[in-house]
């Protein structure tokens, strides 16, 4: 299931942020190395209001 996004680069007006806003899903842009630290199948919690991405399991 996909319910959020956390691209390594970006800004509030980046494509990823705009798409997330339009789809109504949380996004944290500019995460640096998040995509190298989170593998396929990992469960993460994305808090767009706080700007955090937390690996749950």
N, C-alpha and C. Protein backbone atom coordinates (compact mmCIF):
# COMPACT_ATOMS: atom_id res chain seq x y z
N UNK A 1 0.84 -1.17 0.00
CA UNK A 1 0.00 0.00 0.00
C UNK A 1 0.89 1.23 0.00
N UNK A 2 0.52 2.22 -0.75
CA UNK A 2 1.26 3.46 -0.83
C UNK A 2 0.37 4.58 -0.33
N UNK A 3 0.81 5.25 0.74
CA UNK A 3 -0.02 6.31 1.30
C UNK A 3 0.78 7.54 1.69
N UNK A 4 1.93 7.72 1.10
CA UNK A 4 2.75 8.88 1.37
C UNK A 4 4.01 8.82 0.53
N UNK A 5 4.76 9.91 0.51
CA UNK A 5 6.01 9.92 -0.24
C UNK A 5 7.06 10.72 0.48
N UNK A 6 8.32 10.33 0.22
CA UNK A 6 9.46 10.98 0.87
C UNK A 6 10.65 11.02 -0.08
N UNK A 7 10.59 11.87 -1.09
CA UNK A 7 11.70 11.96 -2.04
C UNK A 7 12.95 12.55 -1.39
N UNK A 8 14.10 12.14 -1.90
CA UNK A 8 15.38 12.62 -1.35
C UNK A 8 15.60 14.11 -1.59
N UNK A 9 15.12 14.62 -2.70
CA UNK A 9 15.28 16.05 -3.00
C UNK A 9 13.92 16.66 -3.28
N UNK A 10 13.84 17.96 -3.11
CA UNK A 10 12.59 18.64 -3.40
C UNK A 10 12.37 19.83 -2.48
N UNK A 11 11.31 20.53 -2.76
CA UNK A 11 10.95 21.73 -2.00
C UNK A 11 9.42 21.82 -2.00
N UNK A 12 8.86 22.76 -1.24
CA UNK A 12 7.40 22.86 -1.17
C UNK A 12 6.71 23.02 -2.53
N UNK A 13 7.39 23.55 -3.52
CA UNK A 13 6.78 23.72 -4.84
C UNK A 13 7.30 22.70 -5.86
N UNK A 14 7.95 21.65 -5.39
CA UNK A 14 8.45 20.61 -6.29
C UNK A 14 7.30 19.75 -6.79
N UNK A 15 7.58 19.00 -7.85
CA UNK A 15 6.56 18.13 -8.45
C UNK A 15 6.00 17.15 -7.41
N UNK A 16 6.87 16.53 -6.62
CA UNK A 16 6.43 15.55 -5.61
C UNK A 16 5.48 16.18 -4.60
N UNK A 17 5.80 17.37 -4.15
CA UNK A 17 4.96 18.05 -3.16
C UNK A 17 3.60 18.42 -3.74
N UNK A 18 3.59 18.89 -4.97
CA UNK A 18 2.34 19.28 -5.61
C UNK A 18 1.44 18.06 -5.86
N UNK A 19 2.03 16.97 -6.33
CA UNK A 19 1.26 15.74 -6.56
C UNK A 19 0.68 15.23 -5.25
N UNK A 20 1.48 15.21 -4.19
CA UNK A 20 1.00 14.76 -2.89
C UNK A 20 -0.17 15.61 -2.40
N UNK A 21 -0.04 16.91 -2.56
CA UNK A 21 -1.12 17.82 -2.16
C UNK A 21 -2.40 17.52 -2.94
N UNK A 22 -2.27 17.33 -4.24
CA UNK A 22 -3.45 17.05 -5.07
C UNK A 22 -4.10 15.71 -4.72
N UNK A 23 -3.27 14.70 -4.35
CA UNK A 23 -3.80 13.39 -3.99
C UNK A 23 -4.25 13.30 -2.54
N UNK A 24 -3.91 14.32 -1.75
CA UNK A 24 -4.29 14.33 -0.35
C UNK A 24 -3.50 13.36 0.50
N UNK A 25 -2.24 13.11 0.12
CA UNK A 25 -1.40 12.19 0.89
C UNK A 25 -0.25 12.97 1.52
N UNK A 26 0.26 12.49 2.65
CA UNK A 26 1.37 13.19 3.30
C UNK A 26 2.65 13.05 2.51
N UNK A 27 3.49 14.09 2.56
CA UNK A 27 4.79 14.05 1.89
C UNK A 27 5.79 14.84 2.71
N UNK A 28 7.01 14.34 2.71
CA UNK A 28 8.13 15.06 3.31
C UNK A 28 9.19 15.10 2.22
N UNK A 29 9.44 16.28 1.66
CA UNK A 29 10.39 16.41 0.56
C UNK A 29 11.75 16.85 1.08
N UNK A 30 12.79 16.48 0.34
CA UNK A 30 14.14 16.85 0.72
C UNK A 30 14.68 16.01 1.86
N UNK A 31 14.41 14.72 1.84
CA UNK A 31 14.82 13.83 2.95
C UNK A 31 16.28 13.42 2.90
N UNK A 32 17.01 13.80 1.88
CA UNK A 32 18.43 13.47 1.82
C UNK A 32 18.69 12.05 1.38
N UNK A 33 18.75 11.11 2.31
CA UNK A 33 19.08 9.73 1.97
C UNK A 33 18.00 8.73 2.38
N UNK A 34 16.78 9.17 2.49
CA UNK A 34 15.70 8.30 2.95
C UNK A 34 15.49 7.10 2.04
N UNK A 35 15.59 7.29 0.74
CA UNK A 35 15.33 6.17 -0.17
C UNK A 35 16.41 5.11 -0.11
N UNK A 36 17.59 5.42 0.38
CA UNK A 36 18.63 4.40 0.55
C UNK A 36 18.49 3.68 1.89
N UNK A 37 17.84 4.30 2.85
CA UNK A 37 17.68 3.71 4.18
C UNK A 37 16.39 2.92 4.34
N UNK A 38 15.42 3.13 3.45
CA UNK A 38 14.14 2.45 3.53
C UNK A 38 14.02 1.52 2.33
N UNK A 39 13.82 0.24 2.59
CA UNK A 39 13.76 -0.77 1.53
C UNK A 39 12.31 -1.08 1.16
N UNK A 40 12.14 -1.69 0.02
CA UNK A 40 10.82 -2.13 -0.42
C UNK A 40 10.25 -3.10 0.63
N UNK A 41 9.01 -2.89 0.99
CA UNK A 41 8.36 -3.75 1.98
C UNK A 41 8.43 -3.21 3.39
N UNK A 42 9.29 -2.22 3.65
CA UNK A 42 9.35 -1.60 4.98
C UNK A 42 8.07 -0.81 5.24
N UNK A 43 7.67 -0.76 6.48
CA UNK A 43 6.50 0.03 6.87
C UNK A 43 7.02 1.32 7.49
N UNK A 44 6.57 2.44 6.98
CA UNK A 44 7.02 3.74 7.48
C UNK A 44 5.83 4.61 7.86
N UNK A 45 6.09 5.54 8.73
CA UNK A 45 5.08 6.53 9.14
C UNK A 45 5.54 7.88 8.61
N UNK A 46 4.73 8.51 7.77
CA UNK A 46 5.07 9.79 7.17
C UNK A 46 4.17 10.85 7.80
N UNK A 47 4.78 11.81 8.47
CA UNK A 47 4.03 12.91 9.08
C UNK A 47 4.39 14.19 8.33
N UNK A 48 3.55 14.55 7.38
CA UNK A 48 3.80 15.73 6.56
C UNK A 48 3.75 17.02 7.34
N UNK A 49 2.95 17.10 8.38
CA UNK A 49 2.85 18.32 9.18
C UNK A 49 4.12 18.58 9.98
N UNK A 50 4.72 17.52 10.50
CA UNK A 50 5.94 17.66 11.29
C UNK A 50 7.21 17.53 10.45
N UNK A 51 7.06 16.96 9.27
CA UNK A 51 8.22 16.78 8.40
C UNK A 51 9.09 15.61 8.81
N UNK A 52 8.45 14.53 9.29
CA UNK A 52 9.22 13.37 9.73
C UNK A 52 8.81 12.11 8.98
N UNK A 53 9.79 11.24 8.79
CA UNK A 53 9.58 9.92 8.21
C UNK A 53 10.21 8.93 9.17
N UNK A 54 9.41 8.00 9.70
CA UNK A 54 9.88 7.07 10.73
C UNK A 54 9.65 5.64 10.27
N UNK A 55 10.71 4.85 10.30
CA UNK A 55 10.61 3.43 9.93
C UNK A 55 9.97 2.69 11.09
N UNK A 56 8.81 2.05 10.84
CA UNK A 56 8.08 1.35 11.89
C UNK A 56 8.56 -0.10 11.99
N UNK A 57 8.69 -0.78 10.85
CA UNK A 57 9.27 -2.13 10.81
C UNK A 57 9.72 -2.44 9.43
